[in-house]
Amino acid sequence: MPVGWWLMAVQFGYIALRLADRWPRWQAGALVSALGLGIPPWYEEFAAPARAWHYVTSGPVLGHTPVWIILTYGGCMLSIALAALEFYRPGHWTRALLAGFLAAGGIMFSAVFWFSLLGQ
């Protein structure tokens, strides 16, 4: 799982950087967040039939995936995109560390926020 999240952070951060070359930053961040609402939760749908894991919740569910998980992924990808767009500078390790802390904080905030709102 940690390797999967590492790959996801690299992929979505890279997508944000490439989109920002052609579009305004806010549009690049919004598109990456929208992709985060759709692509990673799609993988969650395969987990229940494969008997890898399932969610037990009384909150709203879309397919096999709770809505708070879907919204959490959107927030995660937004924080990864913002970290990449604001802090990426080749060769600056301190900026990379700050970006990592920002992305991690955004991921944790998104998960706690959406779970407390919809995950009961």
N, C-alpha and C. Protein backbone atom coordinates (compact mmCIF):
# COMPACT_ATOMS: atom_id res chain seq x y z
N MET A 1 0.80 -1.20 0.00
CA MET A 1 0.00 0.00 0.00
C MET A 1 0.85 1.28 0.00
N PRO A 2 1.93 1.34 0.78
CA PRO A 2 2.74 2.57 0.71
C PRO A 2 3.32 2.81 -0.68
N VAL A 3 3.71 1.75 -1.38
CA VAL A 3 4.24 1.92 -2.73
C VAL A 3 3.12 2.40 -3.66
N GLY A 4 1.92 1.90 -3.46
CA GLY A 4 0.79 2.35 -4.27
C GLY A 4 0.51 3.83 -4.08
N TRP A 5 0.56 4.29 -2.84
CA TRP A 5 0.34 5.72 -2.59
C TRP A 5 1.50 6.55 -3.13
N TRP A 6 2.69 6.04 -3.06
CA TRP A 6 3.84 6.76 -3.63
C TRP A 6 3.65 6.93 -5.13
N LEU A 7 3.27 5.85 -5.81
CA LEU A 7 3.04 5.93 -7.25
C LEU A 7 1.89 6.88 -7.58
N MET A 8 0.85 6.85 -6.78
CA MET A 8 -0.28 7.73 -7.02
C MET A 8 0.12 9.20 -6.84
N ALA A 9 0.91 9.49 -5.82
CA ALA A 9 1.36 10.86 -5.60
C ALA A 9 2.22 11.35 -6.75
N VAL A 10 3.11 10.49 -7.23
CA VAL A 10 3.97 10.87 -8.36
C VAL A 10 3.13 11.08 -9.61
N GLN A 11 2.21 10.17 -9.89
CA GLN A 11 1.40 10.27 -11.10
C GLN A 11 0.53 11.52 -11.09
N PHE A 12 -0.18 11.75 -10.00
CA PHE A 12 -1.10 12.88 -9.97
C PHE A 12 -0.35 14.20 -9.85
N GLY A 13 0.77 14.22 -9.17
CA GLY A 13 1.60 15.43 -9.14
C GLY A 13 2.14 15.76 -10.51
N TYR A 14 2.60 14.75 -11.24
CA TYR A 14 3.11 14.96 -12.59
C TYR A 14 2.01 15.46 -13.52
N ILE A 15 0.83 14.86 -13.41
CA ILE A 15 -0.28 15.32 -14.24
C ILE A 15 -0.59 16.79 -13.96
N ALA A 16 -0.58 17.18 -12.70
CA ALA A 16 -0.84 18.58 -12.34
C ALA A 16 0.22 19.50 -12.94
N LEU A 17 1.47 19.11 -12.87
CA LEU A 17 2.55 19.93 -13.43
C LEU A 17 2.42 20.07 -14.95
N ARG A 18 2.10 18.99 -15.62
CA ARG A 18 1.98 19.06 -17.08
C ARG A 18 0.76 19.88 -17.50
N LEU A 19 -0.36 19.71 -16.79
CA LEU A 19 -1.55 20.49 -17.12
C LEU A 19 -1.32 21.98 -16.87
N ALA A 20 -0.55 22.30 -15.83
CA ALA A 20 -0.29 23.71 -15.51
C ALA A 20 0.59 24.37 -16.57
N ASP A 21 1.25 23.59 -17.40
CA ASP A 21 2.01 24.17 -18.51
C ASP A 21 1.09 24.77 -19.56
N ARG A 22 -0.13 24.28 -19.65
CA ARG A 22 -1.06 24.70 -20.70
C ARG A 22 -2.26 25.47 -20.18
N TRP A 23 -2.64 25.21 -18.94
CA TRP A 23 -3.85 25.81 -18.36
C TRP A 23 -3.47 26.61 -17.12
N PRO A 24 -4.38 27.45 -16.65
CA PRO A 24 -4.14 28.11 -15.36
C PRO A 24 -4.03 27.07 -14.23
N ARG A 25 -3.29 27.42 -13.21
CA ARG A 25 -3.04 26.47 -12.11
C ARG A 25 -4.33 25.99 -11.44
N TRP A 26 -5.29 26.89 -11.28
CA TRP A 26 -6.52 26.48 -10.61
C TRP A 26 -7.27 25.45 -11.45
N GLN A 27 -7.22 25.54 -12.75
CA GLN A 27 -7.87 24.54 -13.61
C GLN A 27 -7.12 23.21 -13.55
N ALA A 28 -5.80 23.28 -13.52
CA ALA A 28 -5.02 22.05 -13.41
C ALA A 28 -5.33 21.34 -12.09
N GLY A 29 -5.36 22.10 -10.99
CA GLY A 29 -5.69 21.51 -9.69
C GLY A 29 -7.10 20.95 -9.64
N ALA A 30 -8.04 21.66 -10.25
CA ALA A 30 -9.43 21.19 -10.26
C ALA A 30 -9.57 19.91 -11.07
N LEU A 31 -8.88 19.83 -12.20
CA LEU A 31 -8.97 18.62 -13.02
C LEU A 31 -8.33 17.42 -12.32
N VAL A 32 -7.20 17.63 -11.67
CA VAL A 32 -6.56 16.54 -10.93
C VAL A 32 -7.46 16.09 -9.78
N SER A 33 -8.11 17.03 -9.11
CA SER A 33 -9.04 16.67 -8.05
C SER A 33 -10.22 15.88 -8.61
N ALA A 34 -10.74 16.29 -9.76
CA ALA A 34 -11.84 15.55 -10.39
C ALA A 34 -11.39 14.14 -10.79
N LEU A 35 -10.17 14.02 -11.30
CA LEU A 35 -9.64 12.69 -11.60
C LEU A 35 -9.54 11.86 -10.33
N GLY A 36 -9.16 12.50 -9.23
CA GLY A 36 -9.08 11.80 -7.95
C GLY A 36 -10.43 11.33 -7.45
N LEU A 37 -11.48 12.04 -7.82
CA LEU A 37 -12.83 11.60 -7.45
C LEU A 37 -13.25 10.36 -8.23
N GLY A 38 -12.66 10.15 -9.40
CA GLY A 38 -13.10 9.05 -10.25
C GLY A 38 -12.18 7.87 -10.35
N ILE A 39 -10.89 8.12 -10.55
CA ILE A 39 -9.98 7.02 -10.85
C ILE A 39 -9.66 6.14 -9.63
N PRO A 40 -9.11 6.67 -8.53
CA PRO A 40 -8.79 5.77 -7.41
C PRO A 40 -10.01 5.06 -6.81
N PRO A 41 -11.17 5.73 -6.64
CA PRO A 41 -12.32 4.99 -6.11
C PRO A 41 -12.78 3.87 -7.04
N TRP A 42 -12.46 3.98 -8.31
CA TRP A 42 -12.81 2.92 -9.24
C TRP A 42 -12.11 1.63 -8.83
N TYR A 43 -10.86 1.74 -8.36
CA TYR A 43 -10.13 0.57 -7.88
C TYR A 43 -10.79 -0.02 -6.62
N GLU A 44 -11.38 0.85 -5.81
CA GLU A 44 -12.06 0.37 -4.60
C GLU A 44 -13.20 -0.58 -4.96
N GLU A 45 -13.82 -0.35 -6.10
CA GLU A 45 -14.94 -1.19 -6.52
C GLU A 45 -14.50 -2.63 -6.79
N PHE A 46 -13.24 -2.83 -7.12
CA PHE A 46 -12.74 -4.19 -7.37
C PHE A 46 -12.42 -4.94 -6.09
N ALA A 47 -12.26 -4.23 -4.99
CA ALA A 47 -11.82 -4.86 -3.75
C ALA A 47 -12.88 -5.78 -3.17
N ALA A 48 -14.14 -5.36 -3.14
CA ALA A 48 -15.19 -6.18 -2.54
C ALA A 48 -15.42 -7.49 -3.31
N PRO A 49 -15.59 -7.46 -4.63
CA PRO A 49 -15.75 -8.73 -5.35
C PRO A 49 -14.52 -9.63 -5.26
N ALA A 50 -13.35 -9.04 -5.16
CA ALA A 50 -12.13 -9.83 -5.04
C ALA A 50 -11.90 -10.30 -3.60
N ARG A 51 -12.76 -9.87 -2.70
CA ARG A 51 -12.67 -10.19 -1.27
C ARG A 51 -11.36 -9.72 -0.65
N ALA A 52 -10.85 -8.61 -1.17
CA ALA A 52 -9.64 -8.01 -0.60
C ALA A 52 -10.00 -7.23 0.65
N TRP A 53 -11.03 -6.39 0.59
CA TRP A 53 -11.56 -5.66 1.74
C TRP A 53 -12.93 -5.12 1.37
N HIS A 54 -13.65 -4.73 2.38
CA HIS A 54 -14.94 -4.07 2.18
C HIS A 54 -15.15 -3.09 3.32
N TYR A 55 -16.06 -2.17 3.11
CA TYR A 55 -16.35 -1.14 4.10
C TYR A 55 -17.69 -1.43 4.76
N VAL A 56 -17.72 -1.30 6.07
CA VAL A 56 -18.96 -1.42 6.82
C VAL A 56 -19.29 -0.02 7.31
N THR A 57 -20.33 0.56 6.76
CA THR A 57 -20.70 1.92 7.11
C THR A 57 -22.20 2.09 7.01
N SER A 58 -22.72 3.02 7.77
CA SER A 58 -24.14 3.34 7.66
C SER A 58 -24.35 4.61 6.85
N GLY A 59 -23.25 5.21 6.40
CA GLY A 59 -23.33 6.43 5.59
C GLY A 59 -23.67 6.10 4.15
N PRO A 60 -23.78 7.12 3.31
CA PRO A 60 -24.11 6.90 1.90
C PRO A 60 -23.01 6.12 1.17
N VAL A 61 -23.45 5.22 0.29
CA VAL A 61 -22.53 4.35 -0.44
C VAL A 61 -22.85 4.44 -1.93
N LEU A 62 -21.80 4.45 -2.74
CA LEU A 62 -21.96 4.42 -4.19
C LEU A 62 -21.30 3.13 -4.67
N GLY A 63 -22.10 2.17 -5.09
CA GLY A 63 -21.57 0.85 -5.42
C GLY A 63 -21.14 0.15 -4.14
N HIS A 64 -19.86 -0.22 -4.05
CA HIS A 64 -19.31 -0.82 -2.84
C HIS A 64 -18.50 0.18 -2.02
N THR A 65 -18.42 1.42 -2.50
CA THR A 65 -17.52 2.40 -1.90
C THR A 65 -18.31 3.49 -1.18
N PRO A 66 -18.01 3.74 0.09
CA PRO A 66 -18.67 4.85 0.79
C PRO A 66 -18.32 6.19 0.14
N VAL A 67 -19.28 7.10 0.16
CA VAL A 67 -19.09 8.40 -0.46
C VAL A 67 -17.95 9.16 0.21
N TRP A 68 -17.75 8.96 1.52
CA TRP A 68 -16.67 9.68 2.19
C TRP A 68 -15.31 9.25 1.66
N ILE A 69 -15.17 8.01 1.22
CA ILE A 69 -13.92 7.53 0.62
C ILE A 69 -13.70 8.24 -0.72
N ILE A 70 -14.73 8.35 -1.53
CA ILE A 70 -14.62 9.00 -2.83
C ILE A 70 -14.21 10.46 -2.66
N LEU A 71 -14.87 11.17 -1.73
CA LEU A 71 -14.54 12.58 -1.50
C LEU A 71 -13.16 12.73 -0.88
N THR A 72 -12.75 11.78 -0.06
CA THR A 72 -11.41 11.81 0.51
C THR A 72 -10.36 11.71 -0.59
N TYR A 73 -10.57 10.83 -1.56
CA TYR A 73 -9.63 10.72 -2.67
C TYR A 73 -9.55 12.03 -3.45
N GLY A 74 -10.69 12.69 -3.66
CA GLY A 74 -10.66 13.98 -4.34
C GLY A 74 -9.83 15.00 -3.58
N GLY A 75 -9.99 15.04 -2.25
CA GLY A 75 -9.18 15.95 -1.42
C GLY A 75 -7.71 15.57 -1.42
N CYS A 76 -7.44 14.29 -1.41
CA CYS A 76 -6.04 13.82 -1.45
C CYS A 76 -5.36 14.27 -2.74
N MET A 77 -6.02 14.08 -3.85
CA MET A 77 -5.41 14.45 -5.12
C MET A 77 -5.29 15.96 -5.26
N LEU A 78 -6.23 16.71 -4.67
CA LEU A 78 -6.11 18.16 -4.68
C LEU A 78 -4.89 18.59 -3.88
N SER A 79 -4.67 18.01 -2.72
CA SER A 79 -3.51 18.40 -1.91
C SER A 79 -2.20 17.99 -2.60
N ILE A 80 -2.19 16.85 -3.28
CA ILE A 80 -0.99 16.44 -4.02
C ILE A 80 -0.74 17.41 -5.17
N ALA A 81 -1.81 17.78 -5.89
CA ALA A 81 -1.65 18.72 -7.01
C ALA A 81 -1.16 20.07 -6.53
N LEU A 82 -1.75 20.58 -5.45
CA LEU A 82 -1.33 21.88 -4.93
C LEU A 82 0.11 21.85 -4.45
N ALA A 83 0.50 20.77 -3.80
CA ALA A 83 1.88 20.64 -3.33
C ALA A 83 2.84 20.63 -4.52
N ALA A 84 2.49 19.90 -5.56
CA ALA A 84 3.36 19.85 -6.75
C ALA A 84 3.44 21.21 -7.43
N LEU A 85 2.30 21.87 -7.56
CA LEU A 85 2.27 23.14 -8.28
C LEU A 85 2.97 24.26 -7.51
N GLU A 86 2.88 24.25 -6.21
CA GLU A 86 3.45 25.34 -5.41
C GLU A 86 4.90 25.12 -5.01
N PHE A 87 5.30 23.88 -4.81
CA PHE A 87 6.61 23.63 -4.23
C PHE A 87 7.62 22.98 -5.16
N TYR A 88 7.21 22.49 -6.32
CA TYR A 88 8.16 21.78 -7.18
C TYR A 88 9.19 22.75 -7.77
N ARG A 89 10.45 22.48 -7.46
CA ARG A 89 11.59 23.17 -8.05
C ARG A 89 12.71 22.13 -8.12
N PRO A 90 13.20 21.81 -9.30
CA PRO A 90 14.25 20.79 -9.41
C PRO A 90 15.46 21.13 -8.54
N GLY A 91 15.91 20.15 -7.76
CA GLY A 91 17.10 20.31 -6.94
C GLY A 91 16.90 20.94 -5.58
N HIS A 92 15.69 21.33 -5.23
CA HIS A 92 15.44 21.96 -3.93
C HIS A 92 14.77 20.94 -2.99
N TRP A 93 15.59 20.28 -2.18
CA TRP A 93 15.08 19.24 -1.30
C TRP A 93 14.21 19.79 -0.18
N THR A 94 14.52 20.98 0.30
CA THR A 94 13.70 21.55 1.38
C THR A 94 12.28 21.82 0.87
N ARG A 95 12.16 22.29 -0.35
CA ARG A 95 10.83 22.50 -0.92
C ARG A 95 10.10 21.17 -1.12
N ALA A 96 10.84 20.14 -1.48
CA ALA A 96 10.24 18.81 -1.64
C ALA A 96 9.71 18.30 -0.31
N LEU A 97 10.48 18.51 0.76
CA LEU A 97 10.02 18.10 2.09
C LEU A 97 8.77 18.87 2.51
N LEU A 98 8.77 20.17 2.27
CA LEU A 98 7.59 20.97 2.58
C LEU A 98 6.38 20.50 1.79
N ALA A 99 6.59 20.17 0.51
CA ALA A 99 5.49 19.66 -0.31
C ALA A 99 4.97 18.34 0.25
N GLY A 100 5.87 17.48 0.70
CA GLY A 100 5.45 16.21 1.29
C GLY A 100 4.63 16.39 2.55
N PHE A 101 5.06 17.33 3.39
CA PHE A 101 4.29 17.59 4.62
C PHE A 101 2.93 18.21 4.30
N LEU A 102 2.89 19.12 3.32
CA LEU A 102 1.63 19.72 2.92
C LEU A 102 0.68 18.66 2.35
N ALA A 103 1.18 17.81 1.48
CA ALA A 103 0.35 16.77 0.89
C ALA A 103 -0.14 15.79 1.96
N ALA A 104 0.75 15.39 2.86
CA ALA A 104 0.34 14.47 3.93
C ALA A 104 -0.71 15.10 4.84
N GLY A 105 -0.51 16.36 5.18
CA GLY A 105 -1.50 17.06 6.01
C GLY A 105 -2.83 17.18 5.30
N GLY A 106 -2.80 17.48 4.01
CA GLY A 106 -4.03 17.57 3.24
C GLY A 106 -4.76 16.24 3.15
N ILE A 107 -4.00 15.18 3.00
CA ILE A 107 -4.60 13.84 2.94
C ILE A 107 -5.26 13.51 4.27
N MET A 108 -4.57 13.76 5.37
CA MET A 108 -5.13 13.46 6.69
C MET A 108 -6.36 14.34 6.97
N PHE A 109 -6.26 15.63 6.65
CA PHE A 109 -7.39 16.53 6.87
C PHE A 109 -8.60 16.09 6.05
N SER A 110 -8.38 15.75 4.78
CA SER A 110 -9.47 15.33 3.92
C SER A 110 -10.14 14.07 4.47
N ALA A 111 -9.36 13.11 4.89
CA ALA A 111 -9.92 11.86 5.41
C ALA A 111 -10.73 12.11 6.68
N VAL A 112 -10.18 12.86 7.61
CA VAL A 112 -10.89 13.12 8.88
C VAL A 112 -12.15 13.96 8.62
N PHE A 113 -12.03 14.97 7.78
CA PHE A 113 -13.17 15.85 7.50
C PHE A 113 -14.33 15.08 6.89
N TRP A 114 -14.07 14.33 5.81
CA TRP A 114 -15.15 13.64 5.13
C TRP A 114 -15.70 12.48 5.95
N PHE A 115 -14.83 11.79 6.71
CA PHE A 115 -15.34 10.72 7.56
C PHE A 115 -16.23 11.27 8.66
N SER A 116 -15.82 12.37 9.29
CA SER A 116 -16.63 12.94 10.36
C SER A 116 -17.96 13.47 9.82
N LEU A 117 -17.98 13.90 8.58
CA LEU A 117 -19.20 14.44 7.99
C LEU A 117 -20.14 13.34 7.48
N LEU A 118 -19.58 12.30 6.83
CA LEU A 118 -20.42 11.30 6.16
C LEU A 118 -20.18 9.85 6.56
N GLY A 119 -19.17 9.57 7.34
CA GLY A 119 -18.78 8.19 7.57
C GLY A 119 -19.39 7.51 8.78
N GLN A 120 -20.32 8.10 9.40
CA GLN A 120 -20.87 7.53 10.64
C GLN A 120 -21.57 6.22 10.39
